[in-house]
Amino acid sequence: MVPLNVDFYKLKVELRKEILRRLEEIEIEAHPLDAGWLLYALSVEGDDDIFLKKV
């Protein structure tokens, strides 16, 4: 077995940044399902503050 040197906290932060970037760039009216999946991905993380920051 090959040991993996992965920083899961850094990976989680980078994924969150990428999801937020894509959510800001997407045209929600044109792609509502894509936007819904991105919002779902953020909600699974369990951080409810992200939705309050965008308002």
C-alpha atoms as a PDB file:
ATOM      1  CA  MET A   1       0.000   0.000   0.000  1.00  0.00           C
ATOM      2  CA  VAL A   2       1.248   3.468  -0.878  1.00  0.00           C
ATOM      3  CA  PRO A   3       0.928   6.098   1.863  1.00  0.00           C
ATOM      4  CA  LEU A   4      -0.785   9.308   0.826  1.00  0.00           C
ATOM      5  CA  ASN A   5       0.287  12.662   2.154  1.00  0.00           C
ATOM      6  CA  VAL A   6      -2.966  14.624   1.790  1.00  0.00           C
ATOM      7  CA  ASP A   7      -3.924  17.646   3.836  1.00  0.00           C
ATOM      8  CA  PHE A   8      -7.685  17.154   3.988  1.00  0.00           C
ATOM      9  CA  TYR A   9      -8.304  20.518   5.638  1.00  0.00           C
ATOM     10  CA  LYS A  10      -6.506  22.313   2.792  1.00  0.00           C
ATOM     11  CA  LEU A  11      -8.393  20.201   0.252  1.00  0.00           C
ATOM     12  CA  LYS A  12     -11.720  21.123   1.894  1.00  0.00           C
ATOM     13  CA  VAL A  13     -10.849  24.838   1.810  1.00  0.00           C
ATOM     14  CA  GLU A  14      -9.786  24.687  -1.840  1.00  0.00           C
ATOM     15  CA  LEU A  15     -12.959  22.825  -2.857  1.00  0.00           C
ATOM     16  CA  ARG A  16     -15.117  25.361  -1.025  1.00  0.00           C
ATOM     17  CA  LYS A  17     -13.341  28.236  -2.822  1.00  0.00           C
ATOM     18  CA  GLU A  18     -13.872  26.553  -6.187  1.00  0.00           C
ATOM     19  CA  ILE A  19     -17.565  25.901  -5.506  1.00  0.00           C
ATOM     20  CA  LEU A  20     -18.062  29.531  -4.479  1.00  0.00           C
ATOM     21  CA  ARG A  21     -16.203  30.743  -7.577  1.00  0.00           C
ATOM     22  CA  ARG A  22     -18.380  28.633  -9.852  1.00  0.00           C
ATOM     23  CA  LEU A  23     -21.531  29.704  -8.028  1.00  0.00           C
ATOM     24  CA  GLU A  24     -20.655  33.369  -8.541  1.00  0.00           C
ATOM     25  CA  GLU A  25     -19.938  32.855 -12.254  1.00  0.00           C
ATOM     26  CA  ILE A  26     -22.943  30.719 -13.161  1.00  0.00           C
ATOM     27  CA  GLU A  27     -26.088  32.223 -14.664  1.00  0.00           C
ATOM     28  CA  ILE A  28     -28.691  30.802 -12.307  1.00  0.00           C
ATOM     29  CA  GLU A  29     -31.607  31.494 -14.657  1.00  0.00           C
ATOM     30  CA  ALA A  30     -29.909  29.602 -17.484  1.00  0.00           C
ATOM     31  CA  HIS A  31     -28.593  26.719 -15.356  1.00  0.00           C
ATOM     32  CA  PRO A  32     -30.826  26.277 -12.296  1.00  0.00           C
ATOM     33  CA  LEU A  33     -29.923  22.613 -11.728  1.00  0.00           C
ATOM     34  CA  ASP A  34     -26.206  23.313 -11.788  1.00  0.00           C
ATOM     35  CA  ALA A  35     -26.681  26.136  -9.292  1.00  0.00           C
ATOM     36  CA  GLY A  36     -28.814  23.857  -7.134  1.00  0.00           C
ATOM     37  CA  TRP A  37     -26.116  21.189  -7.013  1.00  0.00           C
ATOM     38  CA  LEU A  38     -23.484  23.767  -6.099  1.00  0.00           C
ATOM     39  CA  LEU A  39     -25.688  25.077  -3.293  1.00  0.00           C
ATOM     40  CA  TYR A  40     -26.290  21.518  -2.151  1.00  0.00           C
ATOM     41  CA  ALA A  41     -22.536  20.900  -2.055  1.00  0.00           C
ATOM     42  CA  LEU A  42     -22.147  23.912   0.235  1.00  0.00           C
ATOM     43  CA  SER A  43     -25.028  22.825   2.456  1.00  0.00           C
ATOM     44  CA  VAL A  44     -23.573  19.339   2.967  1.00  0.00           C
ATOM     45  CA  GLU A  45     -20.522  20.931   4.531  1.00  0.00           C
ATOM     46  CA  GLY A  46     -22.737  22.143   7.359  1.00  0.00           C
ATOM     47  CA  ASP A  47     -21.734  25.806   7.323  1.00  0.00           C
ATOM     48  CA  ASP A  48     -24.997  27.770   7.240  1.00  0.00           C
ATOM     49  CA  ASP A  49     -23.245  31.143   7.429  1.00  0.00           C
ATOM     50  CA  ILE A  50     -22.319  31.034   3.751  1.00  0.00           C
ATOM     51  CA  PHE A  51     -25.906  31.704   2.749  1.00  0.00           C
ATOM     52  CA  LEU A  52     -26.179  34.670   5.099  1.00  0.00           C
ATOM     53  CA  LYS A  53     -22.952  36.216   3.743  1.00  0.00           C
ATOM     54  CA  LYS A  54     -24.331  36.331   0.193  1.00  0.00           C
ATOM     55  CA  VAL A  55     -27.472  38.258   1.166  1.00  0.00           C
END
